[in-house]
Amino acid sequence: MLFRINSEGIKFIVDLKKRTCDCLKFQLDELLYPHAIAAINKRYLQKSDYFSNWYSRETWLKTYEGHVNTVGDQKSWDIPQNVQSEITKPPDVEILQGRRQKKRHIPATESVPFTSTKCSRYKQAGHNRTTCLSSPAPHPYTKKHTEKYSNIQ
């Protein structure tokens, strides 16, 4: 059963038989994500049939059916002297070269509003003040203006 799900302007294809989605989250974690839930709700199917058995109540109970020892209070721990005397250092961190990133990378699934350039004189979209064709006077730093008045002393 193939479904085409439209999420924030991006189209995803969900296959419930193969348990796949274009976002790759459905097959990676084997959990239900919004695209899969939308497809399941469209057919009025049981959601519990489409996630992995690892997340079922029976598997959860089997995992913890044996005796689990409690850790207890930290003051009651019996730590050997050779372990207690060792100094544990934090893990080595790789320092990346170059300038740090200022902005975060926006994923393809997240939509970003597009802002076009706008002229500050006439408030028209598509160009800015420097490239404005309806400009009444040339900008003082443009090439034409400096060549015209460079001979005056």
N, C-alpha and C. Protein backbone atom coordinates (compact mmCIF):
# COMPACT_ATOMS: atom_id res chain seq x y z
N MET A 1 0.85 -1.18 0.00
CA MET A 1 0.00 0.00 0.00
C MET A 1 0.89 1.24 0.00
N LEU A 2 0.89 1.95 -1.08
CA LEU A 2 1.69 3.17 -1.20
C LEU A 2 0.82 4.38 -0.91
N PHE A 3 1.41 5.33 -0.20
CA PHE A 3 0.73 6.57 0.12
C PHE A 3 1.66 7.73 -0.17
N ARG A 4 1.13 8.81 -0.70
CA ARG A 4 1.91 10.02 -0.90
C ARG A 4 1.45 11.03 0.17
N ILE A 5 2.38 11.39 1.05
CA ILE A 5 2.08 12.28 2.16
C ILE A 5 2.76 13.62 1.88
N ASN A 6 2.00 14.71 1.99
CA ASN A 6 2.54 16.04 1.78
C ASN A 6 2.75 16.69 3.15
N SER A 7 4.02 16.96 3.49
CA SER A 7 4.35 17.53 4.78
C SER A 7 5.14 18.81 4.58
N GLU A 8 4.54 19.94 4.87
CA GLU A 8 5.18 21.26 4.75
C GLU A 8 5.75 21.50 3.37
N GLY A 9 5.01 21.12 2.34
CA GLY A 9 5.44 21.36 0.97
C GLY A 9 6.36 20.29 0.41
N ILE A 10 6.76 19.31 1.20
CA ILE A 10 7.64 18.23 0.75
C ILE A 10 6.82 16.94 0.70
N LYS A 11 6.94 16.22 -0.42
CA LYS A 11 6.17 15.00 -0.59
C LYS A 11 7.00 13.79 -0.17
N PHE A 12 6.38 12.91 0.62
CA PHE A 12 7.01 11.68 1.08
C PHE A 12 6.16 10.51 0.62
N ILE A 13 6.80 9.42 0.23
CA ILE A 13 6.08 8.21 -0.17
C ILE A 13 6.27 7.18 0.94
N VAL A 14 5.13 6.70 1.46
CA VAL A 14 5.12 5.71 2.54
C VAL A 14 4.60 4.40 1.98
N ASP A 15 5.34 3.33 2.18
CA ASP A 15 4.93 1.99 1.78
C ASP A 15 4.70 1.19 3.06
N LEU A 16 3.44 0.90 3.37
CA LEU A 16 3.12 0.21 4.62
C LEU A 16 3.46 -1.27 4.56
N LYS A 17 3.44 -1.89 3.37
CA LYS A 17 3.80 -3.31 3.26
C LYS A 17 5.28 -3.51 3.54
N LYS A 18 6.12 -2.67 2.95
CA LYS A 18 7.57 -2.78 3.17
C LYS A 18 8.03 -2.04 4.43
N ARG A 19 7.13 -1.25 5.00
CA ARG A 19 7.42 -0.42 6.18
C ARG A 19 8.58 0.53 5.91
N THR A 20 8.43 1.32 4.84
CA THR A 20 9.44 2.29 4.45
C THR A 20 8.82 3.65 4.22
N CYS A 21 9.66 4.67 4.34
CA CYS A 21 9.24 6.05 4.07
C CYS A 21 10.44 6.78 3.48
N ASP A 22 10.20 7.81 2.69
CA ASP A 22 11.28 8.58 2.08
C ASP A 22 12.11 9.33 3.12
N CYS A 23 11.54 9.60 4.28
CA CYS A 23 12.29 10.31 5.32
C CYS A 23 13.28 9.39 6.03
N LEU A 24 13.18 8.08 5.80
CA LEU A 24 14.05 7.04 6.36
C LEU A 24 13.89 6.81 7.86
N LYS A 25 13.06 7.56 8.54
CA LYS A 25 12.89 7.39 9.98
C LYS A 25 12.06 6.14 10.31
N PHE A 26 11.08 5.86 9.46
CA PHE A 26 10.17 4.73 9.70
C PHE A 26 10.95 3.41 9.69
N GLN A 27 11.84 3.20 8.72
CA GLN A 27 12.58 1.95 8.65
C GLN A 27 13.82 1.96 9.55
N LEU A 28 14.31 3.12 9.93
CA LEU A 28 15.51 3.19 10.75
C LEU A 28 15.21 2.81 12.20
N ASP A 29 14.25 3.47 12.81
CA ASP A 29 13.92 3.21 14.21
C ASP A 29 12.82 2.18 14.39
N GLU A 30 12.12 1.86 13.32
CA GLU A 30 10.98 0.96 13.34
C GLU A 30 9.90 1.45 14.31
N LEU A 31 9.82 2.76 14.42
CA LEU A 31 8.76 3.41 15.19
C LEU A 31 7.86 4.16 14.23
N LEU A 32 6.68 4.51 14.68
CA LEU A 32 5.76 5.26 13.83
C LEU A 32 6.11 6.74 13.89
N TYR A 33 6.27 7.33 12.73
CA TYR A 33 6.52 8.76 12.61
C TYR A 33 5.33 9.38 11.90
N PRO A 34 5.24 10.72 11.91
CA PRO A 34 4.03 11.37 11.39
C PRO A 34 3.60 10.94 9.99
N HIS A 35 4.56 10.66 9.09
CA HIS A 35 4.18 10.25 7.74
C HIS A 35 3.49 8.89 7.76
N ALA A 36 4.05 7.95 8.52
CA ALA A 36 3.46 6.62 8.61
C ALA A 36 2.11 6.67 9.33
N ILE A 37 2.02 7.48 10.37
CA ILE A 37 0.76 7.61 11.11
C ILE A 37 -0.33 8.16 10.20
N ALA A 38 0.02 9.13 9.36
CA ALA A 38 -0.97 9.70 8.43
C ALA A 38 -1.47 8.63 7.46
N ALA A 39 -0.56 7.79 6.96
CA ALA A 39 -0.95 6.73 6.04
C ALA A 39 -1.82 5.68 6.73
N ILE A 40 -1.47 5.33 7.97
CA ILE A 40 -2.25 4.33 8.72
C ILE A 40 -3.63 4.87 9.06
N ASN A 41 -3.71 6.13 9.44
CA ASN A 41 -5.01 6.73 9.76
C ASN A 41 -5.91 6.82 8.54
N LYS A 42 -5.31 6.97 7.37
CA LYS A 42 -6.09 7.08 6.13
C LYS A 42 -6.88 5.79 5.87
N ARG A 43 -6.29 4.63 6.24
CA ARG A 43 -6.94 3.34 6.03
C ARG A 43 -7.61 2.79 7.28
N TYR A 44 -7.59 3.54 8.38
CA TYR A 44 -8.20 3.11 9.65
C TYR A 44 -7.61 1.77 10.12
N LEU A 45 -6.29 1.66 10.08
CA LEU A 45 -5.61 0.43 10.50
C LEU A 45 -5.10 0.57 11.93
N GLN A 46 -4.70 -0.56 12.53
CA GLN A 46 -4.15 -0.56 13.88
C GLN A 46 -2.71 -0.10 13.84
N LYS A 47 -2.37 0.89 14.63
CA LYS A 47 -1.00 1.41 14.65
C LYS A 47 -0.04 0.40 15.28
N SER A 48 -0.54 -0.41 16.19
CA SER A 48 0.32 -1.38 16.88
C SER A 48 0.85 -2.45 15.93
N ASP A 49 0.23 -2.64 14.77
CA ASP A 49 0.70 -3.64 13.81
C ASP A 49 1.92 -3.16 13.02
N TYR A 50 2.26 -1.89 13.11
CA TYR A 50 3.28 -1.33 12.23
C TYR A 50 4.56 -0.89 12.94
N PHE A 51 4.68 -1.11 14.24
CA PHE A 51 5.97 -0.83 14.86
C PHE A 51 6.63 -2.15 15.23
N SER A 52 7.93 -2.08 15.50
CA SER A 52 8.72 -3.29 15.74
C SER A 52 8.27 -4.00 17.01
N ASN A 53 8.50 -5.33 17.03
CA ASN A 53 8.16 -6.12 18.22
C ASN A 53 9.02 -5.73 19.42
N TRP A 54 10.16 -5.10 19.16
CA TRP A 54 11.02 -4.67 20.27
C TRP A 54 10.33 -3.65 21.15
N TYR A 55 9.35 -2.96 20.64
CA TYR A 55 8.64 -1.93 21.42
C TYR A 55 7.32 -2.44 22.00
N SER A 56 7.04 -3.73 21.84
CA SER A 56 5.77 -4.26 22.34
C SER A 56 5.85 -4.48 23.85
N ARG A 57 4.70 -4.57 24.46
CA ARG A 57 4.60 -4.76 25.91
C ARG A 57 5.18 -6.11 26.32
N GLU A 58 4.94 -7.16 25.51
CA GLU A 58 5.43 -8.50 25.82
C GLU A 58 6.96 -8.55 25.85
N THR A 59 7.58 -7.93 24.86
CA THR A 59 9.05 -7.92 24.82
C THR A 59 9.61 -7.13 25.99
N TRP A 60 8.96 -6.04 26.31
CA TRP A 60 9.39 -5.21 27.44
C TRP A 60 9.33 -6.01 28.75
N LEU A 61 8.25 -6.76 28.94
CA LEU A 61 8.10 -7.56 30.15
C LEU A 61 9.11 -8.71 30.19
N LYS A 62 9.39 -9.33 29.04
CA LYS A 62 10.38 -10.41 28.99
C LYS A 62 11.78 -9.90 29.31
N THR A 63 12.07 -8.67 28.92
CA THR A 63 13.38 -8.10 29.19
C THR A 63 13.63 -7.97 30.68
N TYR A 64 12.61 -7.58 31.44
CA TYR A 64 12.78 -7.33 32.86
C TYR A 64 12.13 -8.39 33.75
N GLU A 65 11.84 -9.59 33.21
CA GLU A 65 11.19 -10.59 34.02
C GLU A 65 12.14 -11.24 35.03
N GLY A 66 13.42 -11.26 34.72
CA GLY A 66 14.40 -11.79 35.68
C GLY A 66 14.63 -10.78 36.80
N HIS A 67 15.46 -11.18 37.76
CA HIS A 67 15.73 -10.32 38.91
C HIS A 67 16.71 -9.22 38.50
N VAL A 68 16.35 -7.99 38.78
CA VAL A 68 17.22 -6.85 38.50
C VAL A 68 17.72 -6.32 39.84
N ASN A 69 19.05 -6.34 40.00
CA ASN A 69 19.63 -5.87 41.25
C ASN A 69 19.59 -4.35 41.31
N THR A 70 19.18 -3.84 42.46
CA THR A 70 19.17 -2.39 42.62
C THR A 70 20.57 -1.91 43.00
N VAL A 71 20.87 -0.71 42.64
CA VAL A 71 22.19 -0.15 42.90
C VAL A 71 22.30 0.33 44.35
N GLY A 72 21.25 0.87 44.87
CA GLY A 72 21.27 1.35 46.25
C GLY A 72 21.85 2.75 46.37
N ASP A 73 21.98 3.20 47.61
CA ASP A 73 22.50 4.54 47.88
C ASP A 73 24.00 4.58 47.62
N GLN A 74 24.51 5.69 47.14
CA GLN A 74 25.92 5.82 46.79
C GLN A 74 26.82 5.70 48.02
N LYS A 75 26.33 6.07 49.18
CA LYS A 75 27.13 5.98 50.40
C LYS A 75 27.36 4.52 50.82
N SER A 76 26.49 3.63 50.40
CA SER A 76 26.62 2.23 50.80
C SER A 76 27.44 1.40 49.81
N TRP A 77 27.98 1.99 48.77
CA TRP A 77 28.77 1.26 47.78
C TRP A 77 30.11 0.83 48.39
N ASP A 78 30.55 -0.36 48.04
CA ASP A 78 31.84 -0.86 48.48
C ASP A 78 32.80 -0.79 47.28
N ILE A 79 33.60 0.29 47.23
CA ILE A 79 34.51 0.52 46.11
C ILE A 79 35.91 0.10 46.54
N PRO A 80 36.57 -0.78 45.75
CA PRO A 80 37.94 -1.20 46.10
C PRO A 80 38.90 -0.01 46.08
N GLN A 81 39.95 -0.08 46.87
CA GLN A 81 40.90 1.02 47.02
C GLN A 81 41.63 1.31 45.70
N ASN A 82 42.00 0.25 44.94
CA ASN A 82 42.73 0.49 43.69
C ASN A 82 41.87 1.22 42.65
N VAL A 83 40.56 1.01 42.67
CA VAL A 83 39.67 1.70 41.75
C VAL A 83 39.44 3.14 42.22
N GLN A 84 39.31 3.31 43.51
CA GLN A 84 39.04 4.64 44.06
C GLN A 84 40.24 5.57 43.90
N SER A 85 41.46 5.03 43.89
CA SER A 85 42.66 5.87 43.80
C SER A 85 42.96 6.30 42.36
N GLU A 86 42.38 5.62 41.36
CA GLU A 86 42.64 5.99 39.97
C GLU A 86 41.94 7.29 39.61
N ILE A 87 42.66 8.10 38.84
CA ILE A 87 42.09 9.37 38.38
C ILE A 87 41.50 9.14 36.99
N THR A 88 40.23 9.42 36.87
CA THR A 88 39.57 9.26 35.59
C THR A 88 39.59 10.58 34.85
N LYS A 89 40.14 10.57 33.65
CA LYS A 89 40.21 11.78 32.84
C LYS A 89 39.06 11.80 31.85
N PRO A 90 38.62 12.98 31.46
CA PRO A 90 37.55 13.06 30.45
C PRO A 90 38.07 12.57 29.10
N PRO A 91 37.15 12.16 28.22
CA PRO A 91 37.59 11.66 26.91
C PRO A 91 38.23 12.77 26.07
N ASP A 92 39.15 12.37 25.20
CA ASP A 92 39.80 13.34 24.32
C ASP A 92 38.77 13.88 23.33
N VAL A 93 38.79 15.19 23.15
CA VAL A 93 37.88 15.84 22.23
C VAL A 93 38.69 16.35 21.05
N GLU A 94 38.23 16.02 19.86
CA GLU A 94 38.92 16.47 18.66
C GLU A 94 38.54 17.92 18.39
N ILE A 95 39.55 18.78 18.33
CA ILE A 95 39.30 20.19 18.07
C ILE A 95 39.32 20.41 16.56
N LEU A 96 38.21 20.88 16.04
CA LEU A 96 38.09 21.08 14.60
C LEU A 96 38.79 22.36 14.19
N GLN A 97 39.46 22.31 13.04
CA GLN A 97 40.15 23.49 12.54
C GLN A 97 39.19 24.38 11.77
N GLY A 98 39.55 25.64 11.68
CA GLY A 98 38.73 26.58 10.92
C GLY A 98 37.77 27.34 11.80
N ARG A 99 37.07 28.22 11.17
CA ARG A 99 36.10 29.05 11.87
C ARG A 99 34.88 28.24 12.25
N ARG A 100 34.32 28.53 13.41
CA ARG A 100 33.14 27.82 13.87
C ARG A 100 31.92 28.26 13.07
N GLN A 101 30.98 27.36 12.97
CA GLN A 101 29.75 27.62 12.23
C GLN A 101 28.88 28.61 13.01
N LYS A 102 28.39 29.63 12.33
CA LYS A 102 27.55 30.63 12.98
C LYS A 102 26.09 30.20 13.03
N LYS A 103 25.59 29.67 11.92
CA LYS A 103 24.19 29.27 11.86
C LYS A 103 24.09 27.76 11.81
N ARG A 104 22.95 27.24 12.22
CA ARG A 104 22.76 25.80 12.17
C ARG A 104 22.39 25.39 10.75
N HIS A 105 22.69 24.14 10.42
CA HIS A 105 22.34 23.60 9.11
C HIS A 105 20.86 23.23 9.15
N ILE A 106 20.10 23.72 8.21
CA ILE A 106 18.66 23.47 8.19
C ILE A 106 18.41 22.21 7.35
N PRO A 107 17.74 21.20 7.92
CA PRO A 107 17.49 19.97 7.15
C PRO A 107 16.50 20.20 6.03
N ALA A 108 16.49 19.28 5.07
CA ALA A 108 15.62 19.41 3.90
C ALA A 108 14.15 19.30 4.27
N THR A 109 13.85 18.64 5.39
CA THR A 109 12.46 18.47 5.79
C THR A 109 11.89 19.73 6.43
N GLU A 110 12.74 20.66 6.83
CA GLU A 110 12.28 21.89 7.47
C GLU A 110 12.21 23.01 6.43
N SER A 111 11.08 23.67 6.35
CA SER A 111 10.93 24.72 5.35
C SER A 111 11.44 26.04 5.92
N VAL A 112 12.09 26.82 5.05
CA VAL A 112 12.65 28.10 5.43
C VAL A 112 11.95 29.17 4.61
N PRO A 113 11.42 30.21 5.24
CA PRO A 113 10.77 31.26 4.46
C PRO A 113 11.80 32.01 3.60
N PHE A 114 11.47 32.19 2.32
CA PHE A 114 12.37 32.86 1.39
C PHE A 114 12.07 34.35 1.41
N THR A 115 13.10 35.17 1.65
CA THR A 115 12.94 36.61 1.63
C THR A 115 13.63 37.16 0.41
N SER A 116 12.89 37.88 -0.41
CA SER A 116 13.48 38.45 -1.62
C SER A 116 14.01 39.85 -1.32
N THR A 117 14.88 40.34 -2.21
CA THR A 117 15.41 41.69 -2.02
C THR A 117 14.33 42.71 -2.28
N LYS A 118 14.45 43.86 -1.61
CA LYS A 118 13.42 44.89 -1.70
C LYS A 118 14.09 46.25 -1.78
N CYS A 119 13.63 47.10 -2.67
CA CYS A 119 14.18 48.43 -2.85
C CYS A 119 13.76 49.31 -1.67
N SER A 120 14.73 50.01 -1.06
CA SER A 120 14.41 50.84 0.10
C SER A 120 13.76 52.16 -0.30
N ARG A 121 13.91 52.55 -1.56
CA ARG A 121 13.28 53.80 -2.02
C ARG A 121 11.82 53.60 -2.40
N TYR A 122 11.57 52.61 -3.26
CA TYR A 122 10.23 52.44 -3.81
C TYR A 122 9.49 51.22 -3.25
N LYS A 123 10.13 50.48 -2.32
CA LYS A 123 9.52 49.32 -1.66
C LYS A 123 9.04 48.26 -2.65
N GLN A 124 9.76 48.12 -3.77
CA GLN A 124 9.42 47.11 -4.77
C GLN A 124 10.33 45.90 -4.58
N ALA A 125 9.77 44.73 -4.81
CA ALA A 125 10.55 43.51 -4.67
C ALA A 125 11.31 43.21 -5.95
N GLY A 126 12.41 42.48 -5.83
CA GLY A 126 13.16 42.06 -7.00
C GLY A 126 14.46 42.80 -7.22
N HIS A 127 14.63 43.95 -6.61
CA HIS A 127 15.89 44.68 -6.75
C HIS A 127 16.13 45.47 -5.47
N ASN A 128 17.35 46.00 -5.31
CA ASN A 128 17.66 46.81 -4.13
C ASN A 128 17.92 48.25 -4.56
N ARG A 129 18.32 49.08 -3.61
CA ARG A 129 18.49 50.51 -3.87
C ARG A 129 19.58 50.78 -4.91
N THR A 130 20.66 50.00 -4.89
CA THR A 130 21.77 50.25 -5.82
C THR A 130 21.42 49.89 -7.25
N THR A 131 20.62 48.85 -7.44
CA THR A 131 20.27 48.43 -8.79
C THR A 131 18.92 48.98 -9.24
N CYS A 132 18.39 49.94 -8.53
CA CYS A 132 17.08 50.51 -8.85
C CYS A 132 17.18 51.31 -10.15
N LEU A 133 16.29 51.01 -11.10
CA LEU A 133 16.29 51.72 -12.39
C LEU A 133 15.54 53.04 -12.32
N SER A 134 14.65 53.18 -11.35
CA SER A 134 13.88 54.40 -11.22
C SER A 134 14.56 55.41 -10.31
N SER A 135 15.84 55.26 -10.10
CA SER A 135 16.57 56.12 -9.18
C SER A 135 16.65 57.54 -9.72
N PRO A 136 16.28 58.57 -8.93
CA PRO A 136 16.31 59.95 -9.43
C PRO A 136 17.74 60.49 -9.57
N ALA A 137 18.66 60.09 -8.70
CA ALA A 137 20.02 60.61 -8.75
C ALA A 137 21.00 59.44 -8.65
N PRO A 138 22.15 59.56 -9.30
CA PRO A 138 23.12 58.47 -9.19
C PRO A 138 23.73 58.41 -7.80
N HIS A 139 24.11 57.26 -7.44
CA HIS A 139 24.74 57.06 -6.14
C HIS A 139 26.12 57.71 -6.18
N PRO A 140 26.56 58.41 -5.11
CA PRO A 140 27.83 59.16 -5.17
C PRO A 140 29.06 58.28 -5.34
N TYR A 141 28.98 57.00 -5.06
CA TYR A 141 30.16 56.15 -5.19
C TYR A 141 30.13 55.26 -6.42
N THR A 142 29.18 55.45 -7.30
CA THR A 142 29.15 54.64 -8.51
C THR A 142 30.25 55.07 -9.45
N LYS A 143 30.62 54.19 -10.38
CA LYS A 143 31.73 54.45 -11.30
C LYS A 143 31.43 55.63 -12.21
N LYS A 144 30.20 55.73 -12.72
CA LYS A 144 29.83 56.84 -13.62
C LYS A 144 30.00 58.18 -12.93
N HIS A 145 29.59 58.26 -11.68
CA HIS A 145 29.62 59.52 -10.95
C HIS A 145 31.05 59.96 -10.67
N THR A 146 31.94 59.03 -10.32
CA THR A 146 33.32 59.40 -10.01
C THR A 146 34.08 59.81 -11.26
N GLU A 147 33.79 59.17 -12.42
CA GLU A 147 34.46 59.56 -13.66
C GLU A 147 34.02 60.94 -14.12
N LYS A 148 32.76 61.27 -13.93
CA LYS A 148 32.20 62.53 -14.40
C LYS A 148 32.79 63.71 -13.64
N TYR A 149 32.98 63.57 -12.33
CA TYR A 149 33.41 64.69 -11.52
C TYR A 149 34.87 64.57 -11.05
N SER A 150 35.64 63.66 -11.62
CA SER A 150 37.02 63.49 -11.19
C SER A 150 37.94 64.59 -11.74
N ASN A 151 37.53 65.25 -12.84
CA ASN A 151 38.36 66.30 -13.43
C ASN A 151 38.24 67.63 -12.70
N ILE A 152 37.23 67.84 -11.91
CA ILE A 152 37.02 69.11 -11.21
C ILE A 152 37.97 69.20 -10.04
N GLN A 153 38.69 70.38 -9.97
CA GLN A 153 39.63 70.58 -8.87
C GLN A 153 39.43 71.90 -8.20
